[in-house]
C-alpha atoms as a PDB file:
ATOM      1  CA  MET A   1       0.327   0.044  -0.074  1.00  0.00           C
ATOM      2  CA  THR A   2       2.587   2.469   0.868  1.00  0.00           C
ATOM      3  CA  ASN A   3       4.941   1.913  -2.315  1.00  0.00           C
ATOM      4  CA  LYS A   4       1.473   2.586  -3.935  1.00  0.00           C
ATOM      5  CA  ILE A   5       0.776   5.747  -2.360  1.00  0.00           C
ATOM      6  CA  SER A   6       4.109   6.659  -2.862  1.00  0.00           C
ATOM      7  CA  ARG A   7       3.882   6.217  -6.770  1.00  0.00           C
ATOM      8  CA  GLU A   8       0.451   8.322  -7.214  1.00  0.00           C
ATOM      9  CA  HIS A   9       2.332  11.280  -4.704  1.00  0.00           C
ATOM     10  CA  LYS A  10       5.005  11.135  -6.964  1.00  0.00           C
ATOM     11  CA  LYS A  11       3.103  11.425  -9.899  1.00  0.00           C
ATOM     12  CA  THR A  12       1.031  14.415  -8.657  1.00  0.00           C
ATOM     13  CA  ASN A  13       3.954  16.120  -7.133  1.00  0.00           C
ATOM     14  CA  MET A  14       5.581  16.165 -10.849  1.00  0.00           C
ATOM     15  CA  HIS A  15       2.470  17.298 -12.386  1.00  0.00           C
ATOM     16  CA  TYR A  16       1.938  20.362 -10.078  1.00  0.00           C
ATOM     17  CA  GLU A  17       5.490  21.309  -9.640  1.00  0.00           C
ATOM     18  CA  THR A  18       5.502  21.294 -13.695  1.00  0.00           C
ATOM     19  CA  SER A  19       2.454  23.279 -14.157  1.00  0.00           C
ATOM     20  CA  MET A  20       2.498  26.860 -15.334  1.00  0.00           C
ATOM     21  CA  GLY A  21       0.468  28.366 -12.611  1.00  0.00           C
ATOM     22  CA  LEU A  22       2.194  26.655  -9.634  1.00  0.00           C
ATOM     23  CA  HIS A  23       4.781  28.934  -8.438  1.00  0.00           C
ATOM     24  CA  VAL A  24       2.018  31.508  -8.214  1.00  0.00           C
ATOM     25  CA  ASN A  25       0.338  29.350  -6.159  1.00  0.00           C
ATOM     26  CA  TYR A  26       3.697  29.386  -3.874  1.00  0.00           C
ATOM     27  CA  GLU A  27       3.942  32.928  -4.227  1.00  0.00           C
ATOM     28  CA  ILE A  28      -0.070  33.685  -2.941  1.00  0.00           C
ATOM     29  CA  ILE A  29       0.668  31.262  -0.229  1.00  0.00           C
ATOM     30  CA  CYS A  30       3.745  32.485   1.212  1.00  0.00           C
ATOM     31  CA  ASP A  31       1.951  36.064   1.205  1.00  0.00           C
ATOM     32  CA  GLN A  32      -0.169  34.693   3.575  1.00  0.00           C
ATOM     33  CA  ILE A  33       2.540  33.452   6.013  1.00  0.00           C
ATOM     34  CA  GLU A  34       3.823  35.918   8.699  1.00  0.00           C
ATOM     35  CA  PRO A  35       7.330  36.262   8.972  1.00  0.00           C
ATOM     36  CA  GLU A  36       9.757  33.924  11.599  1.00  0.00           C
ATOM     37  CA  SER A  37       6.855  31.795  11.716  1.00  0.00           C
ATOM     38  CA  ARG A  38       6.822  28.099  12.588  1.00  0.00           C
ATOM     39  CA  VAL A  39       5.560  26.384   9.279  1.00  0.00           C
ATOM     40  CA  LEU A  40       4.904  22.510   8.809  1.00  0.00           C
ATOM     41  CA  ASP A  41       4.514  21.843   5.255  1.00  0.00           C
ATOM     42  CA  LEU A  42       2.842  18.270   4.702  1.00  0.00           C
ATOM     43  CA  GLY A  43       3.456  16.800   1.082  1.00  0.00           C
ATOM     44  CA  CYS A  44       5.916  19.212   0.373  1.00  0.00           C
ATOM     45  CA  GLY A  45       7.019  17.589  -2.580  1.00  0.00           C
ATOM     46  CA  SER A  46      10.645  18.613  -3.588  1.00  0.00           C
ATOM     47  CA  GLY A  47      10.352  21.550  -1.070  1.00  0.00           C
ATOM     48  CA  ALA A  48      10.009  24.654  -3.495  1.00  0.00           C
ATOM     49  CA  LEU A  49       7.060  26.233  -1.176  1.00  0.00           C
ATOM     50  CA  LEU A  50       9.077  25.579   1.834  1.00  0.00           C
ATOM     51  CA  LYS A  51      12.501  26.970   0.452  1.00  0.00           C
ATOM     52  CA  LEU A  52      10.337  30.133  -1.013  1.00  0.00           C
ATOM     53  CA  LEU A  53       9.020  30.463   2.911  1.00  0.00           C
ATOM     54  CA  LYS A  54      12.547  30.121   4.537  1.00  0.00           C
ATOM     55  CA  GLU A  55      13.977  32.971   1.767  1.00  0.00           C
ATOM     56  CA  ARG A  56      11.378  35.363   1.720  1.00  0.00           C
ATOM     57  CA  LYS A  57       9.586  35.094   5.265  1.00  0.00           C
ATOM     58  CA  LYS A  58      12.330  33.570   7.329  1.00  0.00           C
ATOM     59  CA  VAL A  59      10.388  30.885   8.676  1.00  0.00           C
ATOM     60  CA  GLN A  60      11.533  27.930  11.197  1.00  0.00           C
ATOM     61  CA  GLY A  61       9.872  25.611   8.518  1.00  0.00           C
ATOM     62  CA  ARG A  62       9.836  21.620   8.259  1.00  0.00           C
ATOM     63  CA  GLY A  63       8.276  19.335   5.867  1.00  0.00           C
ATOM     64  CA  VAL A  64       6.575  16.044   5.725  1.00  0.00           C
ATOM     65  CA  GLU A  65       6.991  13.891   2.407  1.00  0.00           C
ATOM     66  CA  ILE A  66       6.184  10.223   1.327  1.00  0.00           C
ATOM     67  CA  ASN A  67       8.318  10.053  -1.417  1.00  0.00           C
ATOM     68  CA  GLU A  68      11.942   9.337  -0.810  1.00  0.00           C
ATOM     69  CA  ASP A  69      13.285  11.010  -3.720  1.00  0.00           C
ATOM     70  CA  ASN A  70      11.539  14.367  -3.014  1.00  0.00           C
ATOM     71  CA  VAL A  71      12.679  14.001   0.524  1.00  0.00           C
ATOM     72  CA  ILE A  72      16.565  13.596  -0.760  1.00  0.00           C
ATOM     73  CA  LYS A  73      15.992  16.748  -3.100  1.00  0.00           C
ATOM     74  CA  CYS A  74      14.080  18.545   0.296  1.00  0.00           C
ATOM     75  CA  ILE A  75      17.636  17.682   2.161  1.00  0.00           C
ATOM     76  CA  GLU A  76      19.672  18.545  -0.834  1.00  0.00           C
ATOM     77  CA  LYS A  77      18.198  22.202  -0.500  1.00  0.00           C
ATOM     78  CA  GLY A  78      18.793  22.198   3.247  1.00  0.00           C
ATOM     79  CA  LEU A  79      15.459  21.709   4.124  1.00  0.00           C
ATOM     80  CA  SER A  80      14.350  20.069   7.627  1.00  0.00           C
ATOM     81  CA  VAL A  81      12.139  17.488   5.735  1.00  0.00           C
ATOM     82  CA  PHE A  82      10.816  13.919   6.937  1.00  0.00           C
ATOM     83  CA  GLN A  83       9.902  10.850   5.552  1.00  0.00           C
ATOM     84  CA  GLY A  84       6.283  10.310   6.395  1.00  0.00           C
ATOM     85  CA  ASP A  85       2.352   9.599   5.159  1.00  0.00           C
ATOM     86  CA  ILE A  86      -0.433  12.132   6.071  1.00  0.00           C
ATOM     87  CA  ASP A  87      -2.609   9.486   6.209  1.00  0.00           C
ATOM     88  CA  GLU A  88      -1.228   7.819   9.404  1.00  0.00           C
ATOM     89  CA  GLY A  89      -1.500  11.105  11.513  1.00  0.00           C
ATOM     90  CA  LEU A  90       0.764  13.689  13.285  1.00  0.00           C
ATOM     91  CA  LYS A  91       1.455  12.019  16.183  1.00  0.00           C
ATOM     92  CA  ASP A  92       5.319  12.745  16.453  1.00  0.00           C
ATOM     93  CA  TYR A  93       4.166  16.461  16.683  1.00  0.00           C
ATOM     94  CA  GLN A  94       2.534  18.091  19.757  1.00  0.00           C
ATOM     95  CA  ASP A  95      -0.420  20.429  19.766  1.00  0.00           C
ATOM     96  CA  LYS A  96      -0.396  23.580  18.453  1.00  0.00           C
ATOM     97  CA  SER A  97       3.788  23.223  18.189  1.00  0.00           C
ATOM     98  CA  PHE A  98       3.352  25.137  14.764  1.00  0.00           C
ATOM     99  CA  ASP A  99       1.817  28.479  13.623  1.00  0.00           C
ATOM    100  CA  TYR A 100       0.861  27.312  10.336  1.00  0.00           C
ATOM    101  CA  VAL A 101      -0.012  23.781   8.833  1.00  0.00           C
ATOM    102  CA  ILE A 102       0.532  24.141   5.105  1.00  0.00           C
ATOM    103  CA  LEU A 103      -1.468  21.612   3.228  1.00  0.00           C
ATOM    104  CA  ASN A 104      -1.246  22.438  -0.826  1.00  0.00           C
ATOM    105  CA  GLN A 105      -2.879  20.539  -3.914  1.00  0.00           C
ATOM    106  CA  THR A 106      -2.544  17.442  -1.698  1.00  0.00           C
ATOM    107  CA  LEU A 107      -5.994  17.173  -0.230  1.00  0.00           C
ATOM    108  CA  GLN A 108      -7.541  15.259  -3.114  1.00  0.00           C
ATOM    109  CA  CYS A 109      -4.862  12.992  -3.204  1.00  0.00           C
ATOM    110  CA  ILE A 110      -5.080  11.587   0.400  1.00  0.00           C
ATOM    111  CA  HIS A 111      -7.006   8.510   1.710  1.00  0.00           C
ATOM    112  CA  LYS A 112      -8.474  10.451   4.912  1.00  0.00           C
ATOM    113  CA  PRO A 113      -8.894  13.456   4.476  1.00  0.00           C
ATOM    114  CA  ASP A 114     -11.152  14.557   7.540  1.00  0.00           C
ATOM    115  CA  PHE A 115      -8.600  12.760   9.739  1.00  0.00           C
ATOM    116  CA  ALA A 116      -5.932  14.809   8.059  1.00  0.00           C
ATOM    117  CA  ILE A 117      -7.381  17.922   8.472  1.00  0.00           C
ATOM    118  CA  ASN A 118      -8.228  17.594  12.383  1.00  0.00           C
ATOM    119  CA  GLU A 119      -4.515  16.530  12.826  1.00  0.00           C
ATOM    120  CA  MET A 120      -3.441  19.707  10.887  1.00  0.00           C
ATOM    121  CA  LEU A 121      -5.966  21.627  13.355  1.00  0.00           C
ATOM    122  CA  ARG A 122      -4.380  20.173  16.399  1.00  0.00           C
ATOM    123  CA  VAL A 123      -0.656  20.706  15.768  1.00  0.00           C
ATOM    124  CA  GLY A 124      -1.411  24.063  13.724  1.00  0.00           C
ATOM    125  CA  LYS A 125      -2.494  27.286  15.153  1.00  0.00           C
ATOM    126  CA  LYS A 126      -3.831  27.848  11.741  1.00  0.00           C
ATOM    127  CA  VAL A 127      -4.126  25.346   8.766  1.00  0.00           C
ATOM    128  CA  VAL A 128      -3.380  26.437   4.979  1.00  0.00           C
ATOM    129  CA  ILE A 129      -5.330  24.058   2.636  1.00  0.00           C
ATOM    130  CA  SER A 130      -5.704  24.729  -1.399  1.00  0.00           C
ATOM    131  CA  PHE A 131      -7.377  22.438  -3.874  1.00  0.00           C
ATOM    132  CA  PRO A 132      -8.859  22.530  -7.330  1.00  0.00           C
ATOM    133  CA  ASN A 133     -12.481  23.261  -7.207  1.00  0.00           C
ATOM    134  CA  PHE A 134     -14.459  20.263  -8.972  1.00  0.00           C
ATOM    135  CA  GLY A 135     -17.645  22.961  -9.200  1.00  0.00           C
ATOM    136  CA  TYR A 136     -15.468  25.006 -11.471  1.00  0.00           C
ATOM    137  CA  TRP A 137     -17.616  25.879 -14.574  1.00  0.00           C
ATOM    138  CA  LYS A 138     -15.431  24.266 -17.121  1.00  0.00           C
ATOM    139  CA  VAL A 139     -15.472  20.939 -15.358  1.00  0.00           C
ATOM    140  CA  ARG A 140     -19.145  20.707 -15.435  1.00  0.00           C
ATOM    141  CA  PHE A 141     -19.626  21.820 -19.018  1.00  0.00           C
ATOM    142  CA  TYR A 142     -17.004  18.872 -19.807  1.00  0.00           C
ATOM    143  CA  LEU A 143     -18.805  15.928 -18.136  1.00  0.00           C
ATOM    144  CA  PHE A 144     -22.088  17.511 -19.365  1.00  0.00           C
ATOM    145  CA  LEU A 145     -21.213  17.706 -22.981  1.00  0.00           C
ATOM    146  CA  GLN A 146     -18.749  14.824 -23.066  1.00  0.00           C
ATOM    147  CA  GLY A 147     -20.160  12.571 -20.620  1.00  0.00           C
ATOM    148  CA  ARG A 148     -16.960  11.611 -19.095  1.00  0.00           C
ATOM    149  CA  MET A 149     -14.653  12.529 -16.300  1.00  0.00           C
ATOM    150  CA  PRO A 150     -13.342  15.955 -17.001  1.00  0.00           C
ATOM    151  CA  LYS A 151      -9.643  16.746 -17.344  1.00  0.00           C
ATOM    152  CA  SER A 152      -8.278  20.508 -17.712  1.00  0.00           C
ATOM    153  CA  ALA A 153      -4.709  21.782 -16.863  1.00  0.00           C
ATOM    154  CA  ILE A 154      -4.776  20.840 -13.451  1.00  0.00           C
ATOM    155  CA  LEU A 155      -6.954  17.831 -13.078  1.00  0.00           C
ATOM    156  CA  PRO A 156      -5.090  16.427 -16.526  1.00  0.00           C
ATOM    157  CA  PHE A 157      -5.345  12.507 -15.679  1.00  0.00           C
ATOM    158  CA  GLU A 158      -7.684   9.699 -16.965  1.00  0.00           C
ATOM    159  CA  TRP A 159     -10.392   8.184 -14.174  1.00  0.00           C
ATOM    160  CA  TYR A 160      -8.187   4.985 -13.761  1.00  0.00           C
ATOM    161  CA  ASN A 161      -4.623   6.566 -13.220  1.00  0.00           C
ATOM    162  CA  THR A 162      -5.586   9.434 -11.321  1.00  0.00           C
ATOM    163  CA  PRO A 163      -4.146  10.207  -7.777  1.00  0.00           C
ATOM    164  CA  ASN A 164      -7.289  12.829  -7.262  1.00  0.00           C
ATOM    165  CA  ILE A 165      -9.151  10.239  -5.146  1.00  0.00           C
ATOM    166  CA  HIS A 166     -10.934  12.587  -3.013  1.00  0.00           C
ATOM    167  CA  LEU A 167     -12.295  15.588  -5.701  1.00  0.00           C
ATOM    168  CA  LEU A 168     -14.404  18.547  -4.084  1.00  0.00           C
ATOM    169  CA  THR A 169     -15.930  21.733  -4.417  1.00  0.00           C
ATOM    170  CA  ILE A 170     -15.503  24.845  -2.981  1.00  0.00           C
ATOM    171  CA  LEU A 171     -19.253  24.469  -1.659  1.00  0.00           C
ATOM    172  CA  ASP A 172     -18.220  20.716  -0.067  1.00  0.00           C
ATOM    173  CA  PHE A 173     -15.238  22.672   2.128  1.00  0.00           C
ATOM    174  CA  LYS A 174     -17.286  25.186   3.244  1.00  0.00           C
ATOM    175  CA  GLU A 175     -20.007  22.611   4.087  1.00  0.00           C
ATOM    176  CA  PHE A 176     -17.166  20.184   6.024  1.00  0.00           C
ATOM    177  CA  CYS A 177     -15.598  23.443   8.031  1.00  0.00           C
ATOM    178  CA  ARG A 178     -19.267  24.576   9.004  1.00  0.00           C
ATOM    179  CA  ASN A 179     -20.315  20.881  10.405  1.00  0.00           C
ATOM    180  CA  ARG A 180     -17.196  20.474  12.203  1.00  0.00           C
ATOM    181  CA  LYS A 181     -17.084  23.907  13.884  1.00  0.00           C
ATOM    182  CA  ILE A 182     -13.941  25.207  11.870  1.00  0.00           C
ATOM    183  CA  LYS A 183     -13.628  29.022  11.252  1.00  0.00           C
ATOM    184  CA  ILE A 184     -12.855  29.918   8.179  1.00  0.00           C
ATOM    185  CA  LEU A 185     -10.440  32.731   8.332  1.00  0.00           C
ATOM    186  CA  LYS A 186      -9.859  33.864   4.722  1.00  0.00           C
ATOM    187  CA  GLU A 187     -11.143  32.461   1.378  1.00  0.00           C
ATOM    188  CA  ILE A 188      -8.705  32.963  -1.704  1.00  0.00           C
ATOM    189  CA  TYR A 189      -9.965  32.385  -5.288  1.00  0.00           C
ATOM    190  CA  MET A 190      -7.951  31.425  -8.248  1.00  0.00           C
ATOM    191  CA  ASN A 191      -8.196  31.173 -12.239  1.00  0.00           C
ATOM    192  CA  GLU A 192      -4.612  29.758 -13.467  1.00  0.00           C
ATOM    193  CA  ALA A 193      -3.469  30.607 -10.115  1.00  0.00           C
ATOM    194  CA  LYS A 194      -4.233  33.992 -10.370  1.00  0.00           C
ATOM    195  CA  ILE A 195      -6.113  35.529  -7.639  1.00  0.00           C
ATOM    196  CA  LYS A 196      -9.699  36.534  -8.834  1.00  0.00           C
ATOM    197  CA  ASN A 197     -12.028  39.196  -7.282  1.00  0.00           C
ATOM    198  CA  GLY A 198     -14.812  40.773  -8.235  1.00  0.00           C
ATOM    199  CA  LEU A 199     -18.723  40.236  -7.688  1.00  0.00           C
ATOM    200  CA  ILE A 200     -18.850  37.202  -9.352  1.00  0.00           C
ATOM    201  CA  HIS A 201     -16.376  35.884  -7.828  1.00  0.00           C
ATOM    202  CA  ASP A 202     -18.147  37.190  -4.453  1.00  0.00           C
ATOM    203  CA  ILE A 203     -21.293  35.537  -5.643  1.00  0.00           C
ATOM    204  CA  MET A 204     -20.588  32.415  -7.623  1.00  0.00           C
ATOM    205  CA  PRO A 205     -16.886  31.278  -6.318  1.00  0.00           C
ATOM    206  CA  ASN A 206     -18.148  27.846  -6.793  1.00  0.00           C
ATOM    207  CA  PHE A 207     -19.034  28.193 -10.256  1.00  0.00           C
ATOM    208  CA  CYS A 208     -16.305  30.745 -11.449  1.00  0.00           C
ATOM    209  CA  ALA A 209     -12.910  29.382  -9.316  1.00  0.00           C
ATOM    210  CA  GLU A 210     -10.473  27.055 -10.600  1.00  0.00           C
ATOM    211  CA  GLU A 211      -8.799  26.818  -7.331  1.00  0.00           C
ATOM    212  CA  ALA A 212      -9.118  27.873  -3.666  1.00  0.00           C
ATOM    213  CA  ILE A 213      -6.993  28.532  -0.621  1.00  0.00           C
ATOM    214  CA  PHE A 214      -8.622  28.483   2.521  1.00  0.00           C
ATOM    215  CA  ILE A 215      -7.008  29.634   5.808  1.00  0.00           C
ATOM    216  CA  VAL A 216      -9.015  28.128   8.783  1.00  0.00           C
ATOM    217  CA  GLU A 217      -8.359  27.504  12.928  1.00  0.00           C
ATOM    218  CA  ARG A 218     -10.159  25.558  15.056  1.00  0.00           C
ATOM    219  CA  ASN A 219     -13.186  27.560  16.530  1.00  0.00           C
ATOM    220  CA  MET A 220     -12.577  27.359  20.467  1.00  0.00           C
ATOM    221  CA  SER A 221     -15.804  29.077  21.129  1.00  0.00           C
ATOM    222  CA  THR A 222     -17.457  25.513  20.356  1.00  0.00           C
ATOM    223  CA  PHE A 223     -15.181  23.708  23.046  1.00  0.00           C
END
């Protein structure tokens, strides 16, 4: 099972790290992090985002990555990264030991996203999550017109080899947060990894946005 997950995760990293908009995605996430924060980057790939955060924001950064080749690449960059499976939890980390925990373009690829989010909220004061929005209008029209599982620049895989096993929409994620009393601090909507503002994106983000970034925290008033 671990080898299978590793192969899927490696394929995902290769896709997103070579996609045209991902570096802009890194820039957007970097802008959300306060300088000198303690940051844990889950599914950190070859460490591009973590390296950017250390250089620009001087963060105390660590990463978790399942693929051994990527772990080696991170170490070669001078990053503190450990090999691990997000689906197994974050038992090695104490409660609120990080200011930010980041899960960038990985939520849809893990087997137990609800468990992973709960663990992230446990060890992090704030959590940054980004994912492709399956409710995007082009995805909807592709399925309607073609009658086949949609493919796009950020969802290019076939149904039988995709690493994206838990596709979701912006509405799905917001409902998830509401049901679990998770407080949404900020919502960022993107097309081609560029932030989209304006009335139509404010009113219909689930229809108009290709990707989303959410910053959330545990709602302590519910405890």
